[in-house]
Protein backbone atom coordinates (compact mmCIF):
# COMPACT_ATOMS: atom_id res chain seq x y z
CA MET A 1 85.88 59.62 47.60
CA THR A 2 84.17 60.36 50.91
CA GLN A 3 84.39 57.48 53.36
CA GLY A 4 81.25 55.79 54.64
CA PRO A 5 80.15 55.80 58.28
CA PRO A 6 81.65 53.50 60.91
CA SER A 7 79.25 50.68 61.67
CA GLY A 8 76.59 51.59 64.20
CA ARG A 9 77.62 55.24 64.53
CA PRO A 10 75.72 58.36 63.39
CA PHE A 11 76.90 59.82 60.11
CA PHE A 12 76.17 63.43 59.27
CA ILE A 13 78.07 66.52 58.29
CA SER A 14 79.14 69.05 60.92
CA PRO A 15 77.61 72.50 60.49
CA PRO A 16 79.64 75.34 59.01
CA GLU A 17 81.19 77.76 61.48
CA ALA A 18 78.71 80.52 60.60
CA LYS A 19 75.06 79.98 59.78
CA ILE A 20 74.40 80.86 56.15
CA THR A 21 71.83 83.48 55.22
CA ALA A 22 68.27 82.68 54.21
CA MET A 23 68.06 80.87 50.91
CA ASN A 24 65.54 79.44 48.46
CA ILE A 25 64.83 75.78 49.17
CA LEU A 26 62.72 73.48 47.00
CA LEU A 27 61.10 70.40 48.60
CA VAL A 28 59.79 67.72 46.25
CA HIS A 29 57.72 64.71 47.27
CA GLN A 30 54.99 62.86 45.36
CA ASN A 31 52.91 62.62 48.56
CA PHE A 32 53.98 65.91 50.10
CA PRO A 33 54.69 66.54 52.93
CA GLY A 34 55.69 62.87 53.39
CA GLN A 35 59.07 62.73 55.11
CA TYR A 36 59.20 66.54 55.03
CA ARG A 37 56.22 67.01 57.34
CA HIS A 38 58.46 68.36 60.11
CA LEU A 39 61.34 69.71 58.02
CA ALA A 40 59.20 71.98 55.80
CA PRO A 41 57.77 74.21 58.57
CA TYR A 42 61.09 74.10 60.43
CA LEU A 43 63.00 75.49 57.45
CA ALA A 44 60.38 78.19 57.01
CA ARG A 45 60.71 79.16 60.69
CA GLN A 46 64.49 79.39 60.18
CA GLY A 47 63.81 82.14 57.63
CA HIS A 48 64.40 80.16 54.44
CA ARG A 49 62.10 80.75 51.47
CA VAL A 50 60.49 77.35 50.91
CA VAL A 51 58.57 76.10 47.89
CA ALA A 52 57.14 72.58 47.93
CA VAL A 53 56.04 70.41 45.01
CA GLY A 54 53.73 67.40 45.10
CA GLU A 55 51.08 65.57 43.14
CA ARG A 56 47.66 67.22 42.93
CA ARG A 57 44.97 65.19 44.67
CA ARG A 58 41.28 65.90 44.71
CA GLY A 59 39.98 67.31 47.97
CA ARG A 60 43.44 67.68 49.45
CA GLU A 61 44.88 71.02 50.50
CA ILE A 62 48.42 71.57 51.73
CA ARG A 63 48.76 74.54 54.05
CA ILE A 64 52.00 74.95 55.97
CA PRO A 65 52.91 78.40 57.34
CA GLY A 66 55.76 79.92 55.38
CA VAL A 67 55.67 77.23 52.66
CA ARG A 68 54.38 77.88 49.16
CA TYR A 69 52.90 74.69 47.72
CA VAL A 70 52.53 74.02 43.99
CA ALA A 71 51.05 70.83 42.57
CA TYR A 72 51.41 68.95 39.31
CA ASP A 73 48.74 66.83 37.66
CA PRO A 74 49.20 63.07 37.98
CA PRO A 75 50.99 61.79 34.85
CA ARG A 76 49.61 58.98 32.78
CA GLY A 77 51.30 55.64 33.38
CA ALA A 78 53.37 53.48 31.10
CA THR A 79 52.05 52.15 27.83
CA SER A 80 50.94 48.52 27.70
CA SER A 81 53.55 47.72 25.05
CA THR A 82 56.43 48.67 27.37
CA HIS A 83 58.44 45.78 28.76
CA HIS A 84 57.04 44.98 32.22
CA TYR A 85 60.44 45.52 33.87
CA LEU A 86 60.41 49.10 32.57
CA ARG A 87 56.83 50.20 33.17
CA ALA A 88 57.56 51.75 36.56
CA THR A 89 60.59 53.51 35.11
CA GLU A 90 58.55 54.90 32.21
CA ALA A 91 55.90 56.16 34.64
CA ASN A 92 58.64 57.79 36.73
CA VAL A 93 60.07 59.56 33.66
CA ARG A 94 56.62 60.98 32.92
CA ARG A 95 56.35 62.19 36.49
CA GLY A 96 59.77 63.79 36.23
CA GLN A 97 58.57 65.64 33.13
CA GLN A 98 55.57 66.99 35.03
CA VAL A 99 57.88 68.36 37.72
CA VAL A 100 60.16 69.89 35.08
CA ARG A 101 57.21 71.93 33.77
CA LEU A 102 56.62 73.37 37.24
CA ALA A 103 60.35 73.98 37.69
CA LEU A 104 60.49 75.92 34.41
CA ASP A 105 57.58 78.09 35.58
CA LEU A 106 59.44 78.83 38.80
CA ALA A 107 62.61 79.71 36.87
CA ARG A 108 60.71 82.01 34.50
CA SER A 109 59.25 83.83 37.51
CA GLY A 110 62.77 84.47 38.77
CA TRP A 111 62.70 81.97 41.66
CA ARG A 112 65.66 79.59 41.71
CA PRO A 113 66.56 77.26 44.57
CA ARG A 114 69.97 77.08 46.13
CA LEU A 115 69.11 73.65 47.52
CA ILE A 116 66.62 70.95 46.49
CA CYS A 117 65.44 68.22 48.88
CA ALA A 118 63.66 65.46 46.97
CA HIS A 119 62.43 61.90 47.34
CA PRO A 120 63.73 60.22 44.16
CA GLY A 121 61.54 57.12 44.36
CA TRP A 122 58.90 58.32 41.88
CA GLY A 123 61.19 60.12 39.43
CA GLU A 124 60.51 63.69 40.51
CA SER A 125 64.16 64.65 40.91
CA LEU A 126 65.35 63.07 37.64
CA PHE A 127 65.62 66.30 35.63
CA LEU A 128 65.77 69.07 38.24
CA LYS A 129 69.52 69.54 37.76
CA ASP A 130 68.85 70.33 34.11
CA VAL A 131 66.54 73.20 35.08
CA PHE A 132 68.55 74.40 38.11
CA PRO A 133 72.19 73.45 37.37
CA GLN A 134 73.55 75.61 40.22
CA ALA A 135 71.33 74.02 42.89
CA ARG A 136 72.57 71.30 45.22
CA ILE A 137 70.30 68.25 45.39
CA LEU A 138 69.81 66.31 48.63
CA ASN A 139 67.92 63.09 47.87
CA TYR A 140 65.97 61.14 50.49
CA TYR A 141 67.04 57.51 50.00
CA GLU A 142 64.34 55.46 51.64
CA PHE A 143 64.92 51.97 50.25
CA PHE A 144 67.05 50.24 47.64
CA TYR A 145 65.52 47.01 46.35
CA ASN A 146 67.57 43.84 46.54
CA ALA A 147 66.58 40.35 45.42
CA ARG A 148 68.36 38.83 48.41
CA GLY A 149 68.99 39.85 52.00
CA SER A 150 66.02 42.13 52.68
CA ASP A 151 62.27 41.95 52.05
CA VAL A 152 62.25 39.84 48.88
CA GLY A 153 62.50 36.14 49.68
CA PHE A 154 62.24 36.74 53.43
CA ASP A 155 58.82 35.07 53.72
CA PRO A 156 59.04 31.37 52.74
CA GLU A 157 55.38 31.56 51.70
CA LYS A 158 56.44 33.92 48.88
CA PRO A 159 59.69 32.71 47.26
CA PRO A 160 60.95 34.94 44.43
CA THR A 161 61.28 33.69 40.87
CA ILE A 162 64.17 34.55 38.57
CA ASP A 163 61.79 36.93 36.81
CA ASP A 164 61.18 38.70 40.14
CA MET A 165 64.91 39.02 40.71
CA CYS A 166 65.55 40.55 37.28
CA ARG A 167 62.60 42.94 37.61
CA ILE A 168 63.78 44.08 41.04
CA ARG A 169 67.23 44.93 39.68
CA VAL A 170 65.68 47.18 37.03
CA LYS A 171 63.31 48.69 39.63
CA ASN A 172 66.24 50.68 41.03
CA ALA A 173 66.92 52.47 37.73
CA THR A 174 65.16 55.66 38.78
CA GLN A 175 67.12 55.95 42.03
CA LEU A 176 70.41 55.26 40.24
CA MET A 177 69.74 57.97 37.65
CA SER A 178 68.69 60.39 40.39
CA PHE A 179 71.89 59.60 42.30
CA ALA A 180 73.96 60.51 39.24
CA ALA A 181 72.27 63.93 39.15
CA GLY A 182 72.30 64.47 42.91
CA ASP A 183 74.93 65.77 45.33
CA TRP A 184 74.26 63.98 48.61
CA GLY A 185 71.68 61.76 50.26
CA VAL A 186 70.03 60.97 53.55
CA SER A 187 68.52 57.73 54.91
CA PRO A 188 66.50 57.38 58.13
CA THR A 189 68.28 54.29 59.55
CA HIS A 190 71.68 52.68 59.20
CA TRP A 191 70.12 49.46 57.91
CA GLN A 192 68.23 51.29 55.17
CA GLN A 193 71.44 53.10 54.21
CA ARG A 194 73.29 49.76 54.00
CA GLN A 195 70.83 48.47 51.39
CA TYR A 196 72.41 50.85 48.86
CA PRO A 197 75.52 49.92 46.82
CA PRO A 198 78.83 50.99 48.41
CA MET A 199 79.36 53.75 45.83
CA MET A 200 76.07 55.34 46.96
CA ARG A 201 76.35 54.48 50.64
CA ALA A 202 79.47 56.62 51.02
CA LEU A 203 77.44 59.70 50.05
CA ILE A 204 74.40 59.08 52.26
CA SER A 205 74.07 60.49 55.78
CA VAL A 206 71.93 58.71 58.38
CA ILE A 207 69.40 61.09 59.93
CA HIS A 208 65.94 59.98 61.00
CA ASP A 209 62.82 62.03 60.20
CA GLY A 210 62.36 62.49 63.95
CA VAL A 211 59.67 61.98 66.58
CA ASP A 212 58.07 64.94 68.33
CA THR A 213 58.44 63.59 71.87
CA ARG A 214 56.74 66.71 73.27
CA THR A 215 53.50 65.58 71.64
CA VAL A 216 54.10 61.84 71.43
CA ARG A 217 54.38 61.04 75.11
CA PRO A 218 52.82 58.83 77.79
CA ASP A 219 49.61 59.80 79.56
CA PRO A 220 48.56 57.50 82.42
CA GLU A 221 45.10 59.10 82.43
CA ALA A 222 44.47 58.52 78.70
CA VAL A 223 41.13 57.12 77.58
CA PHE A 224 40.49 55.48 74.22
CA GLU A 225 36.87 55.56 73.09
CA SER A 226 35.01 54.18 70.09
CA PRO A 227 31.28 54.73 70.65
CA ALA A 228 30.38 52.77 67.50
CA ARG A 229 32.05 49.70 69.00
CA LYS A 230 30.98 50.52 72.58
CA LEU A 231 34.62 50.77 73.61
CA LYS A 232 36.00 52.84 76.46
CA LEU A 233 39.42 51.64 77.59
CA THR A 234 42.13 52.97 79.91
CA ARG A 235 45.53 51.83 81.21
CA ARG A 236 43.68 49.79 83.81
CA ASP A 237 42.36 47.50 81.07
CA GLU A 238 44.31 44.69 79.43
CA VAL A 239 44.84 45.92 75.87
CA VAL A 240 46.93 44.41 73.06
CA THR A 241 47.55 46.83 70.19
CA TYR A 242 48.73 46.35 66.61
CA VAL A 243 49.16 49.18 64.07
CA ALA A 244 50.01 49.25 60.36
CA ARG A 245 49.06 51.54 57.49
CA ASN A 246 47.43 48.52 55.88
CA LEU A 247 46.92 45.00 57.21
CA GLU A 248 49.30 42.88 55.13
CA PRO A 249 52.14 40.33 55.38
CA TYR A 250 54.94 42.91 55.06
CA ARG A 251 53.99 44.15 58.52
CA GLY A 252 53.43 40.66 59.90
CA PHE A 253 49.64 40.84 60.02
CA HIS A 254 49.24 37.19 59.04
CA VAL A 255 51.63 36.05 61.79
CA PHE A 256 49.99 38.27 64.40
CA MET A 257 46.56 36.86 63.53
CA ARG A 258 47.88 33.31 63.93
CA ALA A 259 49.09 34.22 67.44
CA LEU A 260 45.75 35.71 68.52
CA PRO A 261 43.76 32.53 69.34
CA GLU A 262 46.32 31.50 71.98
CA ILE A 263 46.58 35.03 73.40
CA LEU A 264 42.81 35.26 73.79
CA ARG A 265 42.60 31.76 75.27
CA ARG A 266 45.22 32.49 77.91
CA ARG A 267 44.11 36.05 78.68
CA PRO A 268 40.30 36.03 78.98
CA LYS A 269 40.14 39.74 79.88
CA ALA A 270 42.34 40.95 77.02
CA ARG A 271 41.02 43.24 74.31
CA VAL A 272 42.82 43.45 70.96
CA LEU A 273 42.78 46.74 69.03
CA ILE A 274 43.94 46.49 65.41
CA VAL A 275 44.55 49.65 63.36
CA GLY A 276 45.05 49.59 59.59
CA GLY A 277 43.27 49.68 56.27
CA ASP A 278 42.40 46.88 53.87
CA GLU A 279 44.46 48.14 50.94
CA VAL A 280 47.97 46.99 49.98
CA SER A 281 50.91 49.30 50.63
CA TYR A 282 53.68 46.75 50.03
CA GLY A 283 53.85 43.42 48.27
CA SER A 284 50.97 41.79 46.43
CA PRO A 285 47.26 41.51 47.20
CA PRO A 286 45.85 38.06 47.98
CA GLU A 287 44.26 36.02 45.24
CA GLY A 288 40.54 35.99 44.59
CA GLY A 289 39.96 39.69 45.22
CA LYS A 290 39.95 39.26 49.00
CA THR A 291 41.64 41.49 51.56
CA TRP A 292 44.34 40.12 53.86
CA ARG A 293 41.98 40.69 56.78
CA ARG A 294 39.38 38.44 55.11
CA VAL A 295 42.02 35.83 54.27
CA MET A 296 43.21 35.64 57.87
CA LEU A 297 39.72 35.65 59.35
CA ASP A 298 38.91 32.73 57.07
CA GLU A 299 42.01 30.97 58.38
CA VAL A 300 41.83 31.65 62.15
CA GLY A 301 38.50 33.38 62.74
CA ALA A 302 36.87 30.27 64.19
CA GLY A 303 39.38 30.40 67.05
CA LEU A 304 38.80 34.09 67.85
CA ASP A 305 36.37 35.72 70.23
CA LEU A 306 35.44 38.55 67.87
CA GLU A 307 33.72 40.38 70.71
CA ARG A 308 37.23 41.09 72.00
CA VAL A 309 39.03 41.71 68.69
CA HIS A 310 38.33 45.15 67.24
CA PHE A 311 39.34 46.15 63.71
CA LEU A 312 39.40 49.95 63.86
CA GLY A 313 40.47 50.69 60.29
CA LYS A 314 42.40 53.93 59.82
CA ILE A 315 41.91 56.34 62.69
CA PRO A 316 42.75 60.05 63.26
CA TYR A 317 46.21 60.76 64.66
CA PRO A 318 44.97 61.95 68.10
CA ASP A 319 43.04 58.68 68.47
CA PHE A 320 46.15 56.76 67.42
CA LEU A 321 48.11 58.39 70.24
CA ARG A 322 45.36 57.66 72.75
CA LEU A 323 45.42 54.03 71.65
CA LEU A 324 49.18 53.79 72.23
CA ARG A 325 48.87 55.43 75.63
CA ILE A 326 46.42 52.83 76.94
CA SER A 327 48.27 49.86 75.42
CA SER A 328 49.37 47.05 77.74
CA ALA A 329 51.40 45.33 75.00
CA HIS A 330 52.10 46.71 71.54
CA VAL A 331 53.10 44.30 68.76
CA TYR A 332 55.23 45.53 65.84
CA LEU A 333 56.26 42.99 63.20
CA THR A 334 57.91 43.71 59.88
CA TYR A 335 59.83 42.14 57.04
CA PRO A 336 63.40 43.51 56.69
CA PHE A 337 62.07 46.73 55.19
CA VAL A 338 61.46 50.42 55.88
CA LEU A 339 61.04 51.08 59.61
CA SER A 340 57.55 52.42 60.41
CA TRP A 341 57.14 55.76 62.17
CA SER A 342 54.55 54.01 64.36
CA MET A 343 57.16 51.82 66.08
CA LEU A 344 59.17 54.78 67.34
CA GLU A 345 55.97 56.64 68.22
CA ALA A 346 54.85 53.64 70.27
CA MET A 347 58.18 53.69 72.12
CA ALA A 348 57.90 57.45 72.68
CA CYS A 349 54.45 56.86 74.23
CA GLY A 350 56.04 54.43 76.66
CA CYS A 351 54.55 51.28 75.14
CA LEU A 352 55.74 47.85 76.18
CA LEU A 353 56.89 46.86 72.70
CA ILE A 354 57.07 43.32 71.34
CA GLY A 355 59.02 43.63 68.09
CA SER A 356 60.17 41.19 65.44
CA ARG A 357 63.81 40.14 65.47
CA THR A 358 64.37 41.70 62.05
CA PRO A 359 66.37 44.68 60.84
CA PRO A 360 65.90 47.61 61.20
CA VAL A 361 63.89 46.81 64.38
CA GLU A 362 67.04 45.43 66.01
CA GLU A 363 68.79 48.73 65.29
CA VAL A 364 66.44 50.32 67.85
CA LEU A 365 65.05 47.58 70.10
CA GLU A 366 67.22 45.57 72.49
CA ASP A 367 65.62 42.50 74.02
CA GLY A 368 64.99 42.90 77.73
CA VAL A 369 66.37 46.45 77.75
CA ASN A 370 63.83 48.69 76.00
CA GLY A 371 61.43 46.06 74.66
CA LEU A 372 60.99 42.39 73.87
CA LEU A 373 62.07 40.68 70.64
CA VAL A 374 60.34 37.72 68.95
CA ASP A 375 60.98 35.62 65.87
CA PHE A 376 58.84 36.89 63.00
CA PHE A 377 57.62 33.43 61.94
CA ASP A 378 56.79 32.10 65.40
CA PRO A 379 53.11 32.65 66.32
CA PRO A 380 53.38 30.49 69.51
CA GLY A 381 56.46 32.46 70.55
CA ILE A 382 54.71 35.76 69.86
CA ALA A 383 51.71 34.63 71.91
CA GLU A 384 54.03 33.61 74.76
CA ARG A 385 55.79 36.99 74.77
CA VAL A 386 52.53 38.96 74.65
CA CYS A 387 51.12 36.93 77.55
CA GLU A 388 54.38 37.44 79.45
CA ALA A 389 54.04 41.19 78.93
CA LEU A 390 50.41 41.20 80.07
CA GLU A 391 51.20 39.10 83.13
CA ASN A 392 54.21 41.13 84.27
CA GLN A 393 53.23 44.75 83.74
CA GLU A 394 54.88 46.05 86.92
CA GLN A 395 58.12 44.09 86.54
CA LEU A 396 58.49 45.16 82.91
CA ALA A 397 57.68 48.83 83.53
CA PRO A 398 61.39 49.81 83.27
CA LEU A 399 61.34 48.67 79.62
CA ARG A 400 58.63 51.25 78.92
CA ARG A 401 60.73 54.04 80.43
CA ARG A 402 63.84 52.98 78.55
CA ALA A 403 61.88 52.72 75.29
CA ARG A 404 60.91 56.37 75.56
CA GLN A 405 64.42 57.35 76.62
CA THR A 406 65.84 55.63 73.52
CA VAL A 407 63.67 57.79 71.28
CA ILE A 408 64.50 60.97 73.19
CA GLU A 409 68.24 60.32 72.97
CA ARG A 410 68.44 59.13 69.35
CA TYR A 411 65.35 60.25 67.45
CA ASP A 412 63.98 63.36 69.17
CA LEU A 413 62.70 65.75 66.53
CA HIS A 414 63.71 69.06 68.11
CA LYS A 415 66.95 68.17 69.88
CA VAL A 416 68.47 65.60 67.51
CA CYS A 417 66.97 65.17 64.05
CA LEU A 418 66.00 68.67 62.92
CA PRO A 419 69.35 70.18 64.02
CA GLN A 420 71.19 67.41 62.16
CA HIS A 421 69.08 67.99 59.04
CA LEU A 422 69.69 71.73 59.20
CA ALA A 423 73.42 71.22 59.63
CA LEU A 424 73.53 68.94 56.61
CA ILE A 425 71.43 71.29 54.48
CA GLU A 426 73.50 74.36 55.34
CA THR A 427 76.80 72.54 54.80
CA LEU A 428 75.69 71.18 51.45
CA ALA A 429 74.36 74.54 50.31
CA ALA A 430 77.60 76.22 51.38
CA GLY A 431 79.60 73.84 49.22
């Protein structure tokens, strides 16, 4: 049995002595490109023949030079009579069947992959070995669900029941079946890798998706504008930023909102820019059909100067980068869960980051070295740290530089992550 990685050290396979010739590679992701957004075009540029598979979505076109994209129709979900522990698994099996139909079409046309890279979370890689028995499968292991020690039960406002614990155990069935049919795996952080059982962990390399630090970089002359909100802000303004895909407890939105009244009281010139939608990516929606934004405004809104708090919703990526570049203090809070791309992108932009003292944040952020750490459940402490950051911009400037340097050294897309991915892919394909 292959041994697992030493604690805290990178774990990936060394490349073969000679680069292998161009090969057929199949990329599979329900929300393609997903974690393959950089890897797909990179493999095509390396001369490999790349086919990608994802779910068909209305009004969405996938065009990546050198990559042939084929889509499957969304499968119907589980039947209402299925045990509620198994409904997600049944839906994943149906999705796997949809992908099998596409795989059979590829095989009939004479195209067979030497290597398959797949995200197993939605069941798409369940049956690919049965269609392409000679192919090696490299699964992307993003998160293994545990009833203790990670996201579940972390928030005392949401204690798990025994029913939750049993359901969570069964929730991993798809990944476990995909592991049995796979050959190797990759996780983006050491903490995410450690969530998997030891038998799986020993066969999972740690390689991050990567940050394009050539594009994601500081710009002291950046300007963030929102004409609809009459906003035009630069680095000379006092700006607190918060970013999440959706505004919800998993990313500490409720705690951040509880810290805002004190921040605004102590910093009368501060503007707060909040990016994120009103849907639910993780966890459960609030009761009564409300959004988490509405829930928190009902709770703390009376203590906020809403002329200085701006909810921007979801914004285009170039605007997101401009926002990071003008940030005076960027707050990133998360349950012990999947690390957001946005945290590393904020560091690459030279943000002064205030992050929660939770894994995997602590895998990247060191208090007083490349950022500031705060307790997740401490709104007064968060407010104190944000005000400290706003008050001491010049003294804390070295933290900004070291934050970017951390990303360049450990997560740079072109110099670190893509070469590691290519080495792993070529070694696995070579046997």
